């Protein structure tokens, strides 16, 4: 795909950069949650399963960054700390708040990946196939979170809205920086 400044379409390098950053952030969120919750409860085991999928997604984008020579985001150290802190804070609020975090994040990731699929069309089959598969898995995470009480979290609309706003900001920044 040919892209130049001023084009409305997002270049694939920016897509790969932001997707890798997002998957990395997701692994850090789950890492923070598991650090607080431990790994012996059924909820922690479920979170660990989602974390393993996110790790696989991140590994795919790590490989794509290396193969295609894409510059990773310079914000990675910040996402490391911010993701872990968000995960730890929501887990400290309780299992339902941890699920509220997952539901909020995955809502934004669904929207983000859907926009990418629409932009990509058939121009990059490798990236499109991965984004489509990962989007399906992220939707499973969202459904799991909702089924396990995400919306029962006190202040759910506010918490969800703040996390979603943070996700949108992280996406916008990671595309460029």
N, C-alpha and C. Protein backbone atom coordinates (compact mmCIF):
# COMPACT_ATOMS: atom_id res chain seq x y z
N UNK A 1 0.85 -1.16 0.00
CA UNK A 1 0.00 0.00 0.00
C UNK A 1 0.90 1.22 0.00
N UNK A 2 0.63 2.16 -0.85
CA UNK A 2 1.39 3.41 -0.91
C UNK A 2 0.70 4.44 -0.03
N UNK A 3 1.47 5.07 0.85
CA UNK A 3 0.91 6.07 1.74
C UNK A 3 1.83 7.27 1.75
N UNK A 4 1.25 8.45 1.80
CA UNK A 4 2.05 9.66 1.92
C UNK A 4 1.34 10.62 2.87
N UNK A 5 2.07 11.55 3.47
CA UNK A 5 1.43 12.48 4.40
C UNK A 5 0.22 13.15 3.74
N UNK A 6 -0.82 13.28 4.51
CA UNK A 6 -2.04 13.88 3.99
C UNK A 6 -3.08 12.85 3.56
N UNK A 7 -2.64 11.60 3.29
CA UNK A 7 -3.59 10.55 2.95
C UNK A 7 -4.46 10.26 4.17
N UNK A 8 -5.68 9.91 3.94
CA UNK A 8 -6.60 9.61 5.04
C UNK A 8 -6.37 8.22 5.59
N UNK A 9 -5.83 7.33 4.81
CA UNK A 9 -5.61 5.97 5.27
C UNK A 9 -4.41 5.89 6.19
N UNK A 10 -4.51 5.05 7.17
CA UNK A 10 -3.42 4.84 8.12
C UNK A 10 -2.38 3.93 7.48
N UNK A 11 -1.10 4.30 7.52
CA UNK A 11 -0.09 3.41 6.95
C UNK A 11 0.02 2.12 7.78
N UNK A 12 0.38 1.03 7.10
CA UNK A 12 0.46 -0.24 7.81
C UNK A 12 1.53 -0.22 8.89
N UNK A 13 2.60 0.55 8.72
CA UNK A 13 3.61 0.64 9.78
C UNK A 13 2.98 1.14 11.08
N UNK A 14 2.14 2.16 10.97
CA UNK A 14 1.47 2.70 12.17
C UNK A 14 0.52 1.67 12.76
N UNK A 15 -0.15 0.90 11.90
CA UNK A 15 -1.05 -0.15 12.39
C UNK A 15 -0.26 -1.18 13.19
N UNK A 16 0.84 -1.62 12.64
CA UNK A 16 1.65 -2.64 13.31
C UNK A 16 2.21 -2.09 14.62
N UNK A 17 2.70 -0.86 14.58
CA UNK A 17 3.26 -0.23 15.78
C UNK A 17 2.22 -0.16 16.90
N UNK A 18 1.03 0.34 16.58
CA UNK A 18 0.01 0.51 17.62
C UNK A 18 -0.54 -0.83 18.08
N UNK A 19 -0.65 -1.80 17.17
CA UNK A 19 -1.15 -3.11 17.57
C UNK A 19 -0.16 -3.82 18.50
N UNK A 20 1.12 -3.71 18.19
CA UNK A 20 2.12 -4.30 19.08
C UNK A 20 2.07 -3.63 20.45
N UNK A 21 1.97 -2.31 20.47
CA UNK A 21 1.90 -1.57 21.74
C UNK A 21 0.66 -1.97 22.53
N UNK A 22 -0.46 -2.13 21.84
CA UNK A 22 -1.69 -2.51 22.52
C UNK A 22 -1.63 -3.90 23.11
N UNK A 23 -1.09 -4.83 22.35
CA UNK A 23 -0.97 -6.19 22.87
C UNK A 23 0.02 -6.26 24.02
N UNK A 24 1.09 -5.47 23.92
CA UNK A 24 2.04 -5.39 25.03
C UNK A 24 1.34 -4.83 26.27
N UNK A 25 0.58 -3.74 26.07
CA UNK A 25 -0.15 -3.15 27.19
C UNK A 25 -1.11 -4.14 27.83
N UNK A 26 -1.77 -4.95 27.00
CA UNK A 26 -2.70 -5.95 27.54
C UNK A 26 -1.97 -6.97 28.40
N UNK A 27 -0.79 -7.39 27.96
CA UNK A 27 -0.04 -8.36 28.78
C UNK A 27 0.35 -7.73 30.12
N UNK A 28 0.63 -6.44 30.11
CA UNK A 28 1.00 -5.76 31.36
C UNK A 28 -0.21 -5.57 32.27
N UNK A 29 -1.39 -5.28 31.70
CA UNK A 29 -2.61 -5.17 32.50
C UNK A 29 -2.87 -6.50 33.21
N UNK A 30 -2.84 -7.58 32.45
CA UNK A 30 -3.08 -8.89 33.06
C UNK A 30 -1.98 -9.24 34.06
N UNK A 31 -0.74 -8.83 33.77
CA UNK A 31 0.34 -9.05 34.72
C UNK A 31 0.07 -8.35 36.04
N UNK A 32 -0.42 -7.12 35.98
CA UNK A 32 -0.76 -6.38 37.19
C UNK A 32 -1.90 -7.03 37.94
N UNK A 33 -2.90 -7.50 37.21
CA UNK A 33 -4.02 -8.17 37.87
C UNK A 33 -3.58 -9.44 38.57
N UNK A 34 -2.76 -10.23 37.89
CA UNK A 34 -2.31 -11.48 38.48
C UNK A 34 -1.37 -11.26 39.66
N UNK A 35 -0.60 -10.18 39.62
CA UNK A 35 0.29 -9.87 40.75
C UNK A 35 -0.52 -9.59 42.01
N UNK A 36 -1.67 -9.00 41.87
CA UNK A 36 -2.53 -8.72 43.02
C UNK A 36 -3.37 -9.93 43.40
N UNK A 37 -3.92 -10.62 42.41
CA UNK A 37 -4.86 -11.71 42.67
C UNK A 37 -4.20 -13.05 42.96
N UNK A 38 -2.94 -13.19 42.58
CA UNK A 38 -2.30 -14.49 42.69
C UNK A 38 -2.75 -15.36 41.53
N UNK A 39 -2.48 -16.64 41.63
CA UNK A 39 -2.83 -17.51 40.50
C UNK A 39 -3.60 -18.75 40.92
N UNK A 40 -4.18 -18.73 42.10
CA UNK A 40 -4.82 -19.94 42.60
C UNK A 40 -6.35 -19.93 42.51
N UNK A 41 -6.93 -18.80 42.23
CA UNK A 41 -8.39 -18.74 42.17
C UNK A 41 -8.87 -19.05 40.75
N UNK A 42 -10.12 -19.48 40.62
CA UNK A 42 -10.66 -19.70 39.27
C UNK A 42 -10.58 -18.42 38.41
N UNK A 43 -10.84 -17.25 39.01
CA UNK A 43 -10.77 -15.99 38.26
C UNK A 43 -9.35 -15.75 37.76
N UNK A 44 -8.36 -16.00 38.61
CA UNK A 44 -6.97 -15.80 38.21
C UNK A 44 -6.59 -16.76 37.09
N UNK A 45 -7.05 -17.99 37.16
CA UNK A 45 -6.76 -18.95 36.09
C UNK A 45 -7.39 -18.50 34.77
N UNK A 46 -8.59 -17.93 34.84
CA UNK A 46 -9.24 -17.43 33.64
C UNK A 46 -8.45 -16.24 33.08
N UNK A 47 -8.03 -15.34 33.95
CA UNK A 47 -7.23 -14.19 33.51
C UNK A 47 -5.92 -14.67 32.91
N UNK A 48 -5.31 -15.66 33.50
CA UNK A 48 -4.06 -16.20 32.97
C UNK A 48 -4.26 -16.76 31.55
N UNK A 49 -5.40 -17.39 31.31
CA UNK A 49 -5.69 -17.89 29.96
C UNK A 49 -5.79 -16.75 28.95
N UNK A 50 -6.46 -15.66 29.34
CA UNK A 50 -6.55 -14.50 28.45
C UNK A 50 -5.17 -13.88 28.25
N UNK A 51 -4.39 -13.83 29.33
CA UNK A 51 -3.04 -13.26 29.24
C UNK A 51 -2.18 -14.06 28.26
N UNK A 52 -2.33 -15.37 28.27
CA UNK A 52 -1.56 -16.20 27.33
C UNK A 52 -1.93 -15.88 25.88
N UNK A 53 -3.21 -15.65 25.61
CA UNK A 53 -3.60 -15.26 24.26
C UNK A 53 -2.99 -13.91 23.90
N UNK A 54 -3.02 -12.96 24.83
CA UNK A 54 -2.45 -11.64 24.55
C UNK A 54 -0.95 -11.75 24.29
N UNK A 55 -0.29 -12.62 25.01
CA UNK A 55 1.15 -12.83 24.80
C UNK A 55 1.41 -13.37 23.40
N UNK A 56 0.56 -14.27 22.93
CA UNK A 56 0.69 -14.80 21.57
C UNK A 56 0.46 -13.69 20.54
N UNK A 57 -0.52 -12.83 20.78
CA UNK A 57 -0.76 -11.69 19.88
C UNK A 57 0.46 -10.77 19.85
N UNK A 58 0.98 -10.47 21.04
CA UNK A 58 2.15 -9.59 21.11
C UNK A 58 3.34 -10.19 20.39
N UNK A 59 3.55 -11.48 20.55
CA UNK A 59 4.67 -12.15 19.88
C UNK A 59 4.53 -12.06 18.36
N UNK A 60 3.30 -12.19 17.86
CA UNK A 60 3.08 -12.05 16.42
C UNK A 60 3.50 -10.66 15.96
N UNK A 61 3.04 -9.62 16.67
CA UNK A 61 3.37 -8.26 16.25
C UNK A 61 4.84 -7.94 16.48
N UNK A 62 5.46 -8.52 17.51
CA UNK A 62 6.91 -8.37 17.69
C UNK A 62 7.64 -8.89 16.45
N UNK A 63 7.21 -10.06 15.98
CA UNK A 63 7.83 -10.64 14.79
C UNK A 63 7.58 -9.80 13.55
N UNK A 64 6.39 -9.26 13.42
CA UNK A 64 6.07 -8.43 12.27
C UNK A 64 6.89 -7.14 12.29
N UNK A 65 7.08 -6.56 13.46
CA UNK A 65 7.92 -5.36 13.60
C UNK A 65 9.33 -5.67 13.12
N UNK A 66 9.86 -6.81 13.54
CA UNK A 66 11.22 -7.19 13.15
C UNK A 66 11.32 -7.48 11.65
N UNK A 67 10.40 -8.26 11.13
CA UNK A 67 10.43 -8.63 9.70
C UNK A 67 10.25 -7.44 8.78
N UNK A 68 9.39 -6.53 9.16
CA UNK A 68 9.07 -5.41 8.28
C UNK A 68 9.83 -4.13 8.61
N UNK A 69 10.67 -4.19 9.62
CA UNK A 69 11.48 -3.03 9.96
C UNK A 69 10.66 -1.84 10.46
N UNK A 70 9.61 -2.13 11.22
CA UNK A 70 8.75 -1.08 11.77
C UNK A 70 9.32 -0.60 13.10
N UNK A 71 9.37 0.70 13.25
CA UNK A 71 9.83 1.28 14.52
C UNK A 71 8.76 1.06 15.58
N UNK A 72 9.10 0.45 16.71
CA UNK A 72 8.11 0.32 17.79
C UNK A 72 7.84 1.68 18.43
N UNK A 73 6.77 1.77 19.17
CA UNK A 73 6.46 3.02 19.84
C UNK A 73 7.54 3.37 20.86
N UNK A 74 7.84 4.64 20.95
CA UNK A 74 8.78 5.12 21.96
C UNK A 74 8.14 5.16 23.34
N UNK A 75 6.84 4.95 23.39
CA UNK A 75 6.10 5.00 24.65
C UNK A 75 6.05 3.66 25.39
N UNK A 76 6.72 2.66 24.85
CA UNK A 76 6.68 1.32 25.46
C UNK A 76 7.02 1.33 26.96
N UNK A 77 8.05 2.05 27.40
CA UNK A 77 8.30 2.06 28.85
C UNK A 77 7.12 2.63 29.65
N UNK A 78 6.45 3.61 29.10
CA UNK A 78 5.28 4.16 29.78
C UNK A 78 4.15 3.14 29.81
N UNK A 79 3.89 2.46 28.68
CA UNK A 79 2.82 1.47 28.65
C UNK A 79 3.12 0.31 29.60
N UNK A 80 4.39 -0.01 29.77
CA UNK A 80 4.79 -1.05 30.71
C UNK A 80 4.27 -0.72 32.11
N UNK A 81 4.56 0.49 32.57
CA UNK A 81 4.17 0.91 33.92
C UNK A 81 2.67 1.16 34.00
N UNK A 82 2.13 1.88 33.02
CA UNK A 82 0.71 2.23 33.06
C UNK A 82 -0.18 0.99 32.97
N UNK A 83 0.17 0.06 32.11
CA UNK A 83 -0.62 -1.16 31.99
C UNK A 83 -0.61 -1.97 33.28
N UNK A 84 0.58 -2.16 33.85
CA UNK A 84 0.68 -2.91 35.09
C UNK A 84 -0.11 -2.23 36.20
N UNK A 85 0.03 -0.90 36.30
CA UNK A 85 -0.67 -0.14 37.34
C UNK A 85 -2.19 -0.24 37.18
N UNK A 86 -2.67 -0.14 35.94
CA UNK A 86 -4.11 -0.27 35.71
C UNK A 86 -4.60 -1.65 36.11
N UNK A 87 -3.86 -2.67 35.73
CA UNK A 87 -4.25 -4.02 36.10
C UNK A 87 -4.23 -4.24 37.60
N UNK A 88 -3.18 -3.77 38.26
CA UNK A 88 -3.08 -3.94 39.72
C UNK A 88 -4.18 -3.17 40.44
N UNK A 89 -4.44 -1.95 39.99
CA UNK A 89 -5.46 -1.12 40.65
C UNK A 89 -6.84 -1.73 40.51
N UNK A 90 -7.17 -2.21 39.31
CA UNK A 90 -8.51 -2.78 39.15
C UNK A 90 -8.64 -4.10 39.89
N UNK A 91 -7.59 -4.90 39.93
CA UNK A 91 -7.64 -6.15 40.69
C UNK A 91 -7.76 -5.87 42.18
N UNK A 92 -7.10 -4.82 42.66
CA UNK A 92 -7.19 -4.46 44.08
C UNK A 92 -8.61 -4.04 44.45
N UNK A 93 -9.35 -3.53 43.47
CA UNK A 93 -10.75 -3.14 43.70
C UNK A 93 -11.65 -4.37 43.78
N UNK A 94 -11.18 -5.50 43.26
CA UNK A 94 -11.95 -6.73 43.32
C UNK A 94 -12.04 -7.41 41.96
N UNK A 95 -12.42 -8.68 41.95
CA UNK A 95 -12.49 -9.43 40.69
C UNK A 95 -13.44 -8.81 39.66
N UNK A 96 -14.55 -8.25 40.10
CA UNK A 96 -15.47 -7.65 39.14
C UNK A 96 -14.86 -6.42 38.49
N UNK A 97 -14.09 -5.65 39.25
CA UNK A 97 -13.42 -4.47 38.67
C UNK A 97 -12.34 -4.90 37.68
N UNK A 98 -11.66 -6.00 37.97
CA UNK A 98 -10.69 -6.52 37.01
C UNK A 98 -11.40 -6.88 35.71
N UNK A 99 -12.58 -7.48 35.84
CA UNK A 99 -13.36 -7.82 34.64
C UNK A 99 -13.89 -6.56 33.95
N UNK A 100 -14.22 -5.53 34.72
CA UNK A 100 -14.66 -4.26 34.13
C UNK A 100 -13.55 -3.66 33.29
N UNK A 101 -12.33 -3.77 33.77
CA UNK A 101 -11.17 -3.28 33.01
C UNK A 101 -11.06 -4.04 31.69
N UNK A 102 -11.16 -5.34 31.74
CA UNK A 102 -11.08 -6.15 30.52
C UNK A 102 -12.19 -5.78 29.55
N UNK A 103 -13.41 -5.66 30.04
CA UNK A 103 -14.53 -5.33 29.16
C UNK A 103 -14.33 -3.97 28.48
N UNK A 104 -13.84 -2.99 29.25
CA UNK A 104 -13.62 -1.65 28.69
C UNK A 104 -12.52 -1.66 27.64
N UNK A 105 -11.40 -2.29 27.97
CA UNK A 105 -10.28 -2.34 27.03
C UNK A 105 -10.71 -3.06 25.75
N UNK A 106 -11.36 -4.20 25.90
CA UNK A 106 -11.72 -4.99 24.72
C UNK A 106 -12.79 -4.30 23.87
N UNK A 107 -13.63 -3.48 24.47
CA UNK A 107 -14.60 -2.70 23.70
C UNK A 107 -13.86 -1.78 22.73
N UNK A 108 -12.83 -1.10 23.22
CA UNK A 108 -12.07 -0.19 22.37
C UNK A 108 -11.22 -0.94 21.35
N UNK A 109 -10.66 -2.08 21.76
CA UNK A 109 -9.84 -2.85 20.83
C UNK A 109 -10.71 -3.40 19.70
N UNK A 110 -11.91 -3.81 20.01
CA UNK A 110 -12.83 -4.26 18.96
C UNK A 110 -13.05 -3.14 17.94
N UNK A 111 -13.34 -1.95 18.41
CA UNK A 111 -13.56 -0.82 17.50
C UNK A 111 -12.30 -0.52 16.69
N UNK A 112 -11.16 -0.54 17.36
CA UNK A 112 -9.88 -0.25 16.71
C UNK A 112 -9.57 -1.28 15.61
N UNK A 113 -9.68 -2.57 15.96
CA UNK A 113 -9.38 -3.61 14.98
C UNK A 113 -10.39 -3.59 13.83
N UNK A 114 -11.65 -3.31 14.11
CA UNK A 114 -12.64 -3.25 13.04
C UNK A 114 -12.29 -2.14 12.05
N UNK A 115 -11.89 -0.98 12.55
CA UNK A 115 -11.49 0.12 11.65
C UNK A 115 -10.28 -0.29 10.82
N UNK A 116 -9.33 -0.98 11.43
CA UNK A 116 -8.16 -1.43 10.68
C UNK A 116 -8.57 -2.39 9.57
N UNK A 117 -9.44 -3.33 9.88
CA UNK A 117 -9.87 -4.29 8.86
C UNK A 117 -10.54 -3.58 7.69
N UNK A 118 -11.35 -2.58 7.98
CA UNK A 118 -12.01 -1.82 6.92
C UNK A 118 -10.98 -1.08 6.07
N UNK A 119 -9.96 -0.49 6.71
CA UNK A 119 -8.93 0.23 5.96
C UNK A 119 -8.06 -0.71 5.15
N UNK A 120 -7.72 -1.85 5.71
CA UNK A 120 -6.81 -2.77 5.03
C UNK A 120 -7.46 -3.41 3.80
N UNK A 121 -8.73 -3.75 3.92
CA UNK A 121 -9.35 -4.47 2.81
C UNK A 121 -8.52 -5.71 2.47
N UNK A 122 -8.09 -5.80 1.23
CA UNK A 122 -7.28 -6.95 0.79
C UNK A 122 -5.82 -6.55 0.55
N UNK A 123 -5.43 -5.35 1.02
CA UNK A 123 -4.09 -4.84 0.70
C UNK A 123 -2.96 -5.54 1.44
N UNK A 124 -3.24 -6.15 2.58
CA UNK A 124 -2.19 -6.80 3.37
C UNK A 124 -2.80 -8.05 4.01
N UNK A 125 -2.84 -9.16 3.26
CA UNK A 125 -3.52 -10.36 3.77
C UNK A 125 -2.96 -10.88 5.09
N UNK A 126 -1.65 -10.82 5.28
CA UNK A 126 -1.07 -11.33 6.52
C UNK A 126 -1.57 -10.53 7.72
N UNK A 127 -1.52 -9.21 7.61
CA UNK A 127 -1.95 -8.35 8.71
C UNK A 127 -3.47 -8.47 8.91
N UNK A 128 -4.22 -8.47 7.84
CA UNK A 128 -5.68 -8.58 7.94
C UNK A 128 -6.10 -9.88 8.63
N UNK A 129 -5.48 -10.98 8.26
CA UNK A 129 -5.84 -12.27 8.86
C UNK A 129 -5.55 -12.27 10.36
N UNK A 130 -4.41 -11.73 10.75
CA UNK A 130 -4.06 -11.68 12.17
C UNK A 130 -5.02 -10.77 12.94
N UNK A 131 -5.27 -9.59 12.40
CA UNK A 131 -6.17 -8.65 13.08
C UNK A 131 -7.56 -9.26 13.23
N UNK A 132 -8.06 -9.93 12.21
CA UNK A 132 -9.39 -10.55 12.28
C UNK A 132 -9.42 -11.64 13.35
N UNK A 133 -8.40 -12.48 13.37
CA UNK A 133 -8.35 -13.55 14.38
C UNK A 133 -8.24 -12.98 15.77
N UNK A 134 -7.34 -12.01 15.95
CA UNK A 134 -7.13 -11.43 17.27
C UNK A 134 -8.38 -10.68 17.73
N UNK A 135 -9.06 -10.01 16.80
CA UNK A 135 -10.30 -9.30 17.16
C UNK A 135 -11.31 -10.30 17.71
N UNK A 136 -11.45 -11.45 17.06
CA UNK A 136 -12.39 -12.47 17.55
C UNK A 136 -12.02 -12.90 18.97
N UNK A 137 -10.74 -13.08 19.23
CA UNK A 137 -10.31 -13.50 20.56
C UNK A 137 -10.53 -12.39 21.59
N UNK A 138 -10.32 -11.14 21.19
CA UNK A 138 -10.55 -10.02 22.10
C UNK A 138 -12.04 -9.92 22.44
N UNK A 139 -12.91 -10.20 21.46
CA UNK A 139 -14.35 -10.19 21.73
C UNK A 139 -14.72 -11.31 22.71
N UNK A 140 -14.04 -12.45 22.62
CA UNK A 140 -14.26 -13.53 23.60
C UNK A 140 -13.88 -13.05 25.00
N UNK A 141 -12.78 -12.30 25.10
CA UNK A 141 -12.36 -11.76 26.41
C UNK A 141 -13.43 -10.82 26.95
N UNK A 142 -13.95 -9.96 26.09
CA UNK A 142 -14.99 -9.02 26.52
C UNK A 142 -16.22 -9.79 27.00
N UNK A 143 -16.66 -10.77 26.23
CA UNK A 143 -17.83 -11.56 26.62
C UNK A 143 -17.59 -12.28 27.94
N UNK A 144 -16.39 -12.81 28.12
CA UNK A 144 -16.04 -13.49 29.38
C UNK A 144 -16.11 -12.51 30.54
N UNK A 145 -15.56 -11.31 30.34
CA UNK A 145 -15.56 -10.30 31.41
C UNK A 145 -16.99 -9.91 31.78
N UNK A 146 -17.83 -9.71 30.78
CA UNK A 146 -19.22 -9.34 31.06
C UNK A 146 -19.95 -10.48 31.77
N UNK A 147 -19.67 -11.72 31.38
CA UNK A 147 -20.31 -12.87 32.01
C UNK A 147 -19.85 -13.07 33.45
N UNK A 148 -18.69 -12.50 33.80
CA UNK A 148 -18.15 -12.66 35.15
C UNK A 148 -18.26 -11.38 35.98
N UNK A 149 -19.29 -10.60 35.70
CA UNK A 149 -19.64 -9.52 36.62
C UNK A 149 -19.04 -8.16 36.36
N UNK A 150 -18.47 -7.90 35.21
CA UNK A 150 -17.86 -6.60 34.95
C UNK A 150 -18.82 -5.46 35.26
N UNK A 151 -20.05 -5.59 34.81
CA UNK A 151 -21.01 -4.50 34.96
C UNK A 151 -21.54 -4.37 36.39
N UNK A 152 -21.19 -5.30 37.28
CA UNK A 152 -21.59 -5.22 38.68
C UNK A 152 -20.64 -4.37 39.51
N UNK A 153 -19.55 -3.94 38.90
CA UNK A 153 -18.56 -3.12 39.60
C UNK A 153 -19.20 -1.79 40.01
N UNK A 154 -19.07 -1.40 41.28
CA UNK A 154 -19.58 -0.08 41.66
C UNK A 154 -18.93 1.01 40.79
N UNK A 155 -19.77 1.88 40.26
CA UNK A 155 -19.26 2.95 39.40
C UNK A 155 -18.84 2.48 38.03
N UNK A 156 -19.38 1.33 37.59
CA UNK A 156 -18.97 0.75 36.31
C UNK A 156 -18.98 1.73 35.15
N UNK A 157 -20.05 2.50 34.95
CA UNK A 157 -20.04 3.41 33.79
C UNK A 157 -18.87 4.40 33.82
N UNK A 158 -18.57 4.93 34.98
CA UNK A 158 -17.46 5.87 35.09
C UNK A 158 -16.11 5.16 34.88
N UNK A 159 -15.92 4.05 35.56
CA UNK A 159 -14.67 3.30 35.42
C UNK A 159 -14.46 2.87 33.97
N UNK A 160 -15.48 2.31 33.38
CA UNK A 160 -15.39 1.87 31.99
C UNK A 160 -15.09 3.04 31.06
N UNK A 161 -15.78 4.14 31.26
CA UNK A 161 -15.56 5.32 30.42
C UNK A 161 -14.14 5.85 30.51
N UNK A 162 -13.60 5.88 31.73
CA UNK A 162 -12.22 6.37 31.90
C UNK A 162 -11.21 5.44 31.25
N UNK A 163 -11.40 4.14 31.42
CA UNK A 163 -10.48 3.18 30.81
C UNK A 163 -10.58 3.26 29.29
N UNK A 164 -11.78 3.36 28.78
CA UNK A 164 -11.95 3.46 27.32
C UNK A 164 -11.30 4.73 26.77
N UNK A 165 -11.45 5.83 27.48
CA UNK A 165 -10.81 7.08 27.07
C UNK A 165 -9.29 6.92 27.07
N UNK A 166 -8.76 6.28 28.09
CA UNK A 166 -7.33 6.01 28.15
C UNK A 166 -6.86 5.15 26.99
N UNK A 167 -7.66 4.15 26.63
CA UNK A 167 -7.32 3.29 25.49
C UNK A 167 -7.28 4.09 24.20
N UNK A 168 -8.27 4.94 23.99
CA UNK A 168 -8.30 5.74 22.77
C UNK A 168 -7.09 6.67 22.71
N UNK A 169 -6.71 7.25 23.84
CA UNK A 169 -5.52 8.11 23.86
C UNK A 169 -4.26 7.29 23.59
N UNK A 170 -4.15 6.12 24.18
CA UNK A 170 -2.98 5.27 23.96
C UNK A 170 -2.87 4.87 22.50
N UNK A 171 -3.99 4.57 21.87
CA UNK A 171 -3.99 4.20 20.45
C UNK A 171 -3.49 5.39 19.61
N UNK A 172 -4.05 6.54 19.85
CA UNK A 172 -3.67 7.73 19.07
C UNK A 172 -2.20 8.06 19.25
N UNK A 173 -1.71 7.99 20.47
CA UNK A 173 -0.30 8.32 20.72
C UNK A 173 0.65 7.28 20.14
N UNK A 174 0.32 6.01 20.30
CA UNK A 174 1.23 4.95 19.85
C UNK A 174 1.35 4.87 18.34
N UNK A 175 0.36 5.35 17.61
CA UNK A 175 0.47 5.37 16.14
C UNK A 175 1.60 6.29 15.71
N UNK A 176 1.80 7.36 16.45
CA UNK A 176 2.68 8.43 16.01
C UNK A 176 4.02 8.50 16.72
N UNK A 177 4.01 8.13 17.99
CA UNK A 177 5.22 8.33 18.80
C UNK A 177 5.97 7.02 18.98
